[in-house]
């Protein structure tokens, strides 16, 4: 895995965990600290739903890049720098 890919993965997980913790805190404050398990589940599901559009855009971007590489490879063009 490239360093940029690793950094993006770590940043994504950090953003996800931070979002879940923040939403859980807000839900716990809203419910008065009761039903902590429900707040955790609700915050996880809510944050996952909020990130779904971002995931779709990122996936589309990756798919376009891969498609471009396949077209270049089929046409006999350059593929860019070799992979390690």
Protein backbone atom coordinates (compact mmCIF):
# COMPACT_ATOMS: atom_id res chain seq x y z
CA UNK A 1 0.00 0.00 0.00
CA UNK A 2 1.27 3.46 -0.85
CA UNK A 3 1.87 5.99 1.90
CA UNK A 4 -0.93 8.22 0.58
CA UNK A 5 -3.36 5.32 0.63
CA UNK A 6 -2.39 4.44 4.19
CA UNK A 7 -2.77 8.05 5.30
CA UNK A 8 -6.18 8.31 3.62
CA UNK A 9 -7.32 5.09 5.30
CA UNK A 10 -6.15 6.25 8.73
CA UNK A 11 -7.76 9.68 8.19
CA UNK A 12 -11.02 8.02 7.15
CA UNK A 13 -11.13 5.81 10.23
CA UNK A 14 -10.21 8.74 12.49
CA UNK A 15 -12.99 10.85 10.96
CA UNK A 16 -15.48 8.01 11.38
CA UNK A 17 -14.54 7.33 15.02
CA UNK A 18 -14.52 11.03 15.88
CA UNK A 19 -17.93 11.46 14.28
CA UNK A 20 -19.39 8.52 16.18
CA UNK A 21 -17.98 9.78 19.48
CA UNK A 22 -19.28 13.32 18.89
CA UNK A 23 -22.74 12.12 17.87
CA UNK A 24 -22.85 9.73 20.80
CA UNK A 25 -22.01 12.59 23.16
CA UNK A 26 -24.75 14.72 21.64
CA UNK A 27 -27.30 11.92 21.91
CA UNK A 28 -26.29 11.19 25.51
CA UNK A 29 -26.64 14.87 26.37
CA UNK A 30 -30.01 14.97 24.63
CA UNK A 31 -31.31 11.90 26.49
CA UNK A 32 -29.84 12.99 29.82
CA UNK A 33 -27.18 10.27 29.90
CA UNK A 34 -29.66 7.42 29.79
CA UNK A 35 -29.69 4.55 27.32
CA UNK A 36 -25.97 4.72 26.55
CA UNK A 37 -26.04 1.59 24.37
CA UNK A 38 -28.87 2.98 22.26
CA UNK A 39 -26.96 6.25 21.85
CA UNK A 40 -23.90 4.36 20.60
CA UNK A 41 -25.91 2.36 18.07
CA UNK A 42 -27.86 5.41 16.91
CA UNK A 43 -24.74 7.56 16.52
CA UNK A 44 -22.96 4.85 14.53
CA UNK A 45 -25.91 4.40 12.17
CA UNK A 46 -26.46 8.14 11.79
CA UNK A 47 -22.82 8.86 10.99
CA UNK A 48 -22.69 5.96 8.52
CA UNK A 49 -25.76 7.41 6.78
CA UNK A 50 -24.15 10.85 6.65
CA UNK A 51 -20.97 9.45 5.06
CA UNK A 52 -22.78 7.41 2.39
CA UNK A 53 -22.77 10.20 -0.27
CA UNK A 54 -19.05 10.81 0.29
CA UNK A 55 -18.38 7.09 -0.09
CA UNK A 56 -20.28 7.07 -3.39
CA UNK A 57 -18.28 9.99 -4.79
CA UNK A 58 -14.99 8.44 -3.70
CA UNK A 59 -15.93 5.08 -5.18
CA UNK A 60 -16.93 6.75 -8.46
CA UNK A 61 -13.62 8.59 -8.62
CA UNK A 62 -11.65 5.40 -8.06
CA UNK A 63 -13.72 3.57 -10.68
CA UNK A 64 -13.06 6.32 -13.25
CA UNK A 65 -9.30 6.14 -12.62
CA UNK A 66 -9.27 2.37 -12.98
CA UNK A 67 -11.36 2.56 -16.15
CA UNK A 68 -8.91 5.12 -17.62
CA UNK A 69 -5.98 2.81 -16.88
CA UNK A 70 -7.76 -0.12 -18.52
CA UNK A 71 -8.50 1.95 -21.63
CA UNK A 72 -4.87 3.08 -21.83
CA UNK A 73 -3.64 -0.47 -21.35
CA UNK A 74 -5.98 -1.77 -24.07
CA UNK A 75 -4.82 0.97 -26.44
CA UNK A 76 -1.16 0.13 -25.72
CA UNK A 77 -0.50 3.47 -24.04
CA UNK A 78 1.46 4.30 -20.93
CA UNK A 79 0.13 3.15 -17.56
CA UNK A 80 2.06 5.66 -15.51
CA UNK A 81 4.80 4.73 -13.05
CA UNK A 82 5.26 1.03 -12.31
CA UNK A 83 3.76 -0.35 -9.12
CA UNK A 84 5.96 -1.50 -6.27
